[in-house]
Amino acid sequence: MQLSGFYDARKEFLGNIKTEDLQTLLQGGKYLDEVCTTIKTLTENNPKCGGCEYFRYCVGGCRALAFGLTGDKLGSDPAKCAFFKMDYYEKITALFDGWKNLAPIGSE
């Protein structure tokens, strides 16, 4: 949904509900290929994300942002990289006095 305008501007279509039934569109074809990127596919094609210490928390971020900002649907989401690598995680958790992350990051 976040990329619908992106595809429309490039005259690329992932399916047509007027000519195909919804079940067919959702169970296979170009649409399914676009929306079902696996973690394995991402890590195999993006060593930056796959090797990142924060990957287990962001899982590569948003595919729509990665695609829109880098032109690569398997690229890194710059917003997630900034969040973790520019210490926004630490800044936010510092605001919540007494809050404990149940899935600690790094040496927490």
N, C-alpha and C. Protein backbone atom coordinates (compact mmCIF):
# COMPACT_ATOMS: atom_id res chain seq x y z
N MET A 1 0.81 -1.18 0.00
CA MET A 1 0.00 0.00 0.00
C MET A 1 0.87 1.26 0.00
N GLN A 2 1.95 1.26 0.75
CA GLN A 2 2.80 2.44 0.81
C GLN A 2 3.51 2.72 -0.51
N LEU A 3 3.59 1.73 -1.36
CA LEU A 3 4.28 1.90 -2.64
C LEU A 3 3.34 2.01 -3.83
N SER A 4 2.04 2.08 -3.57
CA SER A 4 1.10 2.07 -4.69
C SER A 4 1.35 3.23 -5.65
N GLY A 5 1.62 4.42 -5.15
CA GLY A 5 1.91 5.56 -6.02
C GLY A 5 3.22 5.39 -6.77
N PHE A 6 4.16 4.73 -6.13
CA PHE A 6 5.47 4.48 -6.74
C PHE A 6 5.31 3.62 -7.99
N TYR A 7 4.55 2.55 -7.86
CA TYR A 7 4.33 1.66 -9.00
C TYR A 7 3.49 2.33 -10.07
N ASP A 8 2.48 3.06 -9.66
CA ASP A 8 1.61 3.74 -10.61
C ASP A 8 2.39 4.74 -11.46
N ALA A 9 3.27 5.50 -10.84
CA ALA A 9 4.07 6.50 -11.56
C ALA A 9 4.97 5.85 -12.60
N ARG A 10 5.36 4.62 -12.38
CA ARG A 10 6.24 3.90 -13.31
C ARG A 10 5.46 2.97 -14.24
N LYS A 11 4.14 3.05 -14.16
CA LYS A 11 3.26 2.22 -14.99
C LYS A 11 3.52 0.73 -14.79
N GLU A 12 3.85 0.38 -13.54
CA GLU A 12 4.03 -1.02 -13.17
C GLU A 12 2.81 -1.42 -12.36
N PHE A 13 2.27 -2.58 -12.65
CA PHE A 13 1.08 -3.03 -11.95
C PHE A 13 1.30 -4.44 -11.42
N LEU A 14 0.87 -4.66 -10.20
CA LEU A 14 1.05 -5.95 -9.55
C LEU A 14 -0.16 -6.84 -9.69
N GLY A 15 -1.18 -6.33 -10.31
CA GLY A 15 -2.40 -7.09 -10.51
C GLY A 15 -3.57 -6.13 -10.73
N ASN A 16 -4.68 -6.69 -11.15
CA ASN A 16 -5.84 -5.86 -11.42
C ASN A 16 -7.08 -6.58 -10.88
N ILE A 17 -7.66 -6.02 -9.85
CA ILE A 17 -8.82 -6.63 -9.21
C ILE A 17 -10.03 -6.65 -10.14
N LYS A 18 -9.99 -5.86 -11.19
CA LYS A 18 -11.11 -5.83 -12.15
C LYS A 18 -11.06 -7.01 -13.11
N THR A 19 -9.86 -7.57 -13.27
CA THR A 19 -9.73 -8.69 -14.22
C THR A 19 -9.36 -10.01 -13.55
N GLU A 20 -8.92 -9.96 -12.30
CA GLU A 20 -8.53 -11.16 -11.56
C GLU A 20 -9.24 -11.15 -10.21
N ASP A 21 -9.59 -12.32 -9.70
CA ASP A 21 -10.24 -12.33 -8.39
C ASP A 21 -9.20 -12.08 -7.30
N LEU A 22 -9.66 -11.55 -6.19
CA LEU A 22 -8.79 -11.16 -5.08
C LEU A 22 -7.98 -12.34 -4.55
N GLN A 23 -8.58 -13.48 -4.43
CA GLN A 23 -7.87 -14.65 -3.91
C GLN A 23 -6.66 -14.98 -4.79
N THR A 24 -6.83 -14.95 -6.09
CA THR A 24 -5.73 -15.23 -7.01
C THR A 24 -4.61 -14.21 -6.83
N LEU A 25 -4.97 -12.93 -6.71
CA LEU A 25 -3.96 -11.89 -6.54
C LEU A 25 -3.19 -12.04 -5.23
N LEU A 26 -3.89 -12.40 -4.17
CA LEU A 26 -3.26 -12.50 -2.85
C LEU A 26 -2.50 -13.80 -2.64
N GLN A 27 -2.76 -14.79 -3.46
CA GLN A 27 -2.09 -16.08 -3.28
C GLN A 27 -0.93 -16.32 -4.22
N GLY A 28 -0.67 -15.43 -5.12
CA GLY A 28 0.44 -15.66 -6.03
C GLY A 28 0.69 -14.50 -6.95
N GLY A 29 1.68 -14.64 -7.76
CA GLY A 29 1.98 -13.64 -8.76
C GLY A 29 2.86 -12.51 -8.25
N LYS A 30 2.87 -11.43 -9.01
CA LYS A 30 3.76 -10.30 -8.74
C LYS A 30 3.49 -9.65 -7.39
N TYR A 31 2.22 -9.53 -7.01
CA TYR A 31 1.89 -8.90 -5.73
C TYR A 31 2.52 -9.67 -4.57
N LEU A 32 2.32 -10.96 -4.55
CA LEU A 32 2.84 -11.77 -3.47
C LEU A 32 4.37 -11.71 -3.42
N ASP A 33 5.00 -11.71 -4.58
CA ASP A 33 6.46 -11.60 -4.63
C ASP A 33 6.95 -10.30 -4.01
N GLU A 34 6.20 -9.22 -4.20
CA GLU A 34 6.60 -7.92 -3.67
C GLU A 34 6.39 -7.80 -2.17
N VAL A 35 5.32 -8.35 -1.65
CA VAL A 35 5.00 -8.13 -0.24
C VAL A 35 5.54 -9.20 0.70
N CYS A 36 6.06 -10.27 0.17
CA CYS A 36 6.51 -11.38 1.03
C CYS A 36 8.01 -11.61 0.94
N THR A 37 8.77 -10.60 1.24
CA THR A 37 10.21 -10.75 1.29
C THR A 37 10.57 -11.40 2.62
N THR A 38 11.29 -12.49 2.57
CA THR A 38 11.65 -13.19 3.80
C THR A 38 12.91 -12.59 4.42
N ILE A 39 13.09 -12.86 5.69
CA ILE A 39 14.30 -12.41 6.38
C ILE A 39 15.52 -13.05 5.74
N LYS A 40 15.40 -14.31 5.36
CA LYS A 40 16.51 -15.00 4.71
C LYS A 40 16.90 -14.31 3.40
N THR A 41 15.90 -13.95 2.60
CA THR A 41 16.17 -13.25 1.34
C THR A 41 16.87 -11.92 1.61
N LEU A 42 16.39 -11.20 2.61
CA LEU A 42 16.98 -9.91 2.94
C LEU A 42 18.43 -10.06 3.37
N THR A 43 18.71 -10.97 4.29
CA THR A 43 20.09 -11.12 4.77
C THR A 43 21.03 -11.65 3.70
N GLU A 44 20.53 -12.49 2.80
CA GLU A 44 21.38 -13.01 1.72
C GLU A 44 21.72 -11.93 0.71
N ASN A 45 20.84 -10.97 0.52
CA ASN A 45 21.04 -9.94 -0.50
C ASN A 45 21.47 -8.59 0.07
N ASN A 46 21.55 -8.47 1.37
CA ASN A 46 21.92 -7.21 1.98
C ASN A 46 22.86 -7.48 3.16
N PRO A 47 24.15 -7.59 2.89
CA PRO A 47 25.10 -7.89 3.96
C PRO A 47 25.18 -6.79 5.02
N LYS A 48 24.86 -5.56 4.65
CA LYS A 48 24.88 -4.47 5.63
C LYS A 48 23.86 -4.75 6.73
N CYS A 49 22.64 -5.10 6.34
CA CYS A 49 21.61 -5.42 7.33
C CYS A 49 21.92 -6.75 8.03
N GLY A 50 22.24 -7.75 7.26
CA GLY A 50 22.47 -9.08 7.82
C GLY A 50 23.58 -9.11 8.85
N GLY A 51 24.57 -8.26 8.70
CA GLY A 51 25.70 -8.23 9.62
C GLY A 51 25.58 -7.20 10.73
N CYS A 52 24.49 -6.47 10.77
CA CYS A 52 24.33 -5.39 11.74
C CYS A 52 23.94 -5.94 13.12
N GLU A 53 24.52 -5.37 14.16
CA GLU A 53 24.22 -5.82 15.52
C GLU A 53 22.77 -5.54 15.93
N TYR A 54 22.10 -4.64 15.24
CA TYR A 54 20.72 -4.29 15.57
C TYR A 54 19.69 -5.01 14.71
N PHE A 55 20.13 -5.87 13.80
CA PHE A 55 19.21 -6.50 12.86
C PHE A 55 18.07 -7.25 13.54
N ARG A 56 18.35 -7.90 14.64
CA ARG A 56 17.29 -8.67 15.31
C ARG A 56 16.18 -7.78 15.85
N TYR A 57 16.42 -6.48 15.94
CA TYR A 57 15.40 -5.56 16.45
C TYR A 57 14.65 -4.85 15.33
N CYS A 58 15.32 -4.52 14.26
CA CYS A 58 14.63 -3.79 13.18
C CYS A 58 14.32 -4.68 11.98
N VAL A 59 15.02 -5.80 11.84
CA VAL A 59 14.84 -6.75 10.74
C VAL A 59 14.90 -6.03 9.39
N GLY A 60 15.80 -5.08 9.31
CA GLY A 60 16.00 -4.38 8.04
C GLY A 60 15.08 -3.19 7.83
N GLY A 61 14.17 -2.98 8.75
CA GLY A 61 13.28 -1.82 8.65
C GLY A 61 12.15 -2.01 7.66
N CYS A 62 11.63 -0.92 7.20
CA CYS A 62 10.48 -0.90 6.30
C CYS A 62 10.94 -1.07 4.85
N ARG A 63 10.39 -2.06 4.16
CA ARG A 63 10.77 -2.31 2.77
C ARG A 63 10.34 -1.14 1.87
N ALA A 64 9.20 -0.51 2.17
CA ALA A 64 8.75 0.62 1.36
C ALA A 64 9.72 1.79 1.48
N LEU A 65 10.18 2.09 2.70
CA LEU A 65 11.15 3.18 2.87
C LEU A 65 12.48 2.83 2.22
N ALA A 66 12.92 1.61 2.42
CA ALA A 66 14.18 1.19 1.79
C ALA A 66 14.10 1.35 0.28
N PHE A 67 13.02 0.88 -0.30
CA PHE A 67 12.86 0.96 -1.75
C PHE A 67 12.72 2.40 -2.22
N GLY A 68 11.92 3.17 -1.52
CA GLY A 68 11.70 4.56 -1.91
C GLY A 68 12.93 5.42 -1.78
N LEU A 69 13.76 5.18 -0.75
CA LEU A 69 14.93 6.02 -0.50
C LEU A 69 16.21 5.51 -1.14
N THR A 70 16.29 4.20 -1.39
CA THR A 70 17.52 3.66 -1.96
C THR A 70 17.33 3.08 -3.36
N GLY A 71 16.06 2.87 -3.76
CA GLY A 71 15.79 2.26 -5.05
C GLY A 71 15.97 0.75 -5.05
N ASP A 72 16.21 0.19 -3.87
CA ASP A 72 16.44 -1.25 -3.74
C ASP A 72 15.49 -1.79 -2.67
N LYS A 73 14.57 -2.67 -3.06
CA LYS A 73 13.61 -3.17 -2.07
C LYS A 73 14.28 -4.03 -1.01
N LEU A 74 15.48 -4.50 -1.27
CA LEU A 74 16.24 -5.24 -0.28
C LEU A 74 17.32 -4.38 0.37
N GLY A 75 17.27 -3.09 0.11
CA GLY A 75 18.23 -2.16 0.69
C GLY A 75 17.95 -1.89 2.15
N SER A 76 18.81 -1.12 2.77
CA SER A 76 18.65 -0.76 4.18
C SER A 76 17.66 0.39 4.31
N ASP A 77 16.86 0.35 5.36
CA ASP A 77 15.95 1.44 5.69
C ASP A 77 16.76 2.48 6.45
N PRO A 78 17.08 3.62 5.83
CA PRO A 78 17.92 4.63 6.49
C PRO A 78 17.35 5.15 7.81
N ALA A 79 16.03 5.14 7.96
CA ALA A 79 15.42 5.61 9.20
C ALA A 79 15.76 4.68 10.36
N LYS A 80 15.73 3.38 10.13
CA LYS A 80 16.07 2.43 11.18
C LYS A 80 17.56 2.49 11.51
N CYS A 81 18.38 2.65 10.49
CA CYS A 81 19.83 2.77 10.73
C CYS A 81 20.10 4.00 11.61
N ALA A 82 19.48 5.11 11.29
CA ALA A 82 19.66 6.34 12.08
C ALA A 82 19.17 6.14 13.51
N PHE A 83 18.02 5.50 13.66
CA PHE A 83 17.44 5.29 14.99
C PHE A 83 18.42 4.57 15.91
N PHE A 84 19.00 3.50 15.43
CA PHE A 84 19.90 2.72 16.28
C PHE A 84 21.32 3.27 16.30
N LYS A 85 21.86 3.64 15.17
CA LYS A 85 23.26 4.04 15.10
C LYS A 85 23.52 5.46 15.58
N MET A 86 22.48 6.27 15.69
CA MET A 86 22.65 7.64 16.20
C MET A 86 22.11 7.75 17.63
N ASP A 87 22.02 6.61 18.30
CA ASP A 87 21.68 6.52 19.71
C ASP A 87 20.28 7.00 20.09
N TYR A 88 19.35 7.02 19.13
CA TYR A 88 17.99 7.41 19.49
C TYR A 88 17.34 6.38 20.41
N TYR A 89 17.70 5.13 20.26
CA TYR A 89 17.18 4.11 21.16
C TYR A 89 17.55 4.47 22.60
N GLU A 90 18.80 4.78 22.84
CA GLU A 90 19.26 5.13 24.18
C GLU A 90 18.58 6.39 24.69
N LYS A 91 18.41 7.37 23.82
CA LYS A 91 17.78 8.63 24.22
C LYS A 91 16.33 8.41 24.63
N ILE A 92 15.62 7.59 23.89
CA ILE A 92 14.21 7.32 24.21
C ILE A 92 14.09 6.51 25.49
N THR A 93 14.90 5.47 25.62
CA THR A 93 14.80 4.65 26.83
C THR A 93 15.19 5.45 28.07
N ALA A 94 16.07 6.42 27.96
CA ALA A 94 16.45 7.27 29.10
C ALA A 94 15.26 8.11 29.58
N LEU A 95 14.34 8.41 28.70
CA LEU A 95 13.15 9.19 29.08
C LEU A 95 12.17 8.40 29.93
N PHE A 96 12.21 7.09 29.81
CA PHE A 96 11.29 6.22 30.54
C PHE A 96 11.98 5.65 31.77
N ASP A 97 12.03 6.43 32.82
CA ASP A 97 12.70 6.03 34.05
C ASP A 97 12.13 4.72 34.58
N GLY A 98 13.00 3.76 34.80
CA GLY A 98 12.59 2.47 35.33
C GLY A 98 12.13 1.46 34.29
N TRP A 99 12.04 1.87 33.02
CA TRP A 99 11.60 0.95 31.97
C TRP A 99 12.73 -0.01 31.66
N LYS A 100 12.40 -1.26 31.48
CA LYS A 100 13.40 -2.27 31.14
C LYS A 100 12.97 -2.98 29.86
N ASN A 101 13.87 -3.04 28.91
CA ASN A 101 13.63 -3.75 27.66
C ASN A 101 13.77 -5.24 27.93
N LEU A 102 12.74 -6.00 27.59
CA LEU A 102 12.79 -7.44 27.82
C LEU A 102 13.63 -8.17 26.78
N ALA A 103 14.00 -7.47 25.71
CA ALA A 103 14.90 -8.02 24.69
C ALA A 103 16.06 -7.05 24.57
N PRO A 104 16.94 -7.03 25.57
CA PRO A 104 17.99 -6.01 25.64
C PRO A 104 18.89 -5.97 24.41
N ILE A 105 19.34 -4.78 24.13
CA ILE A 105 20.24 -4.53 23.01
C ILE A 105 21.66 -4.37 23.53
N GLY A 106 22.59 -5.03 22.88
CA GLY A 106 23.99 -4.89 23.24
C GLY A 106 24.28 -5.37 24.64
N SER A 107 24.88 -4.51 25.45
CA SER A 107 25.34 -4.91 26.79
C SER A 107 24.32 -4.62 27.88
N GLU A 108 23.07 -4.32 27.51
CA GLU A 108 22.04 -4.03 28.52
C GLU A 108 21.80 -5.23 29.41
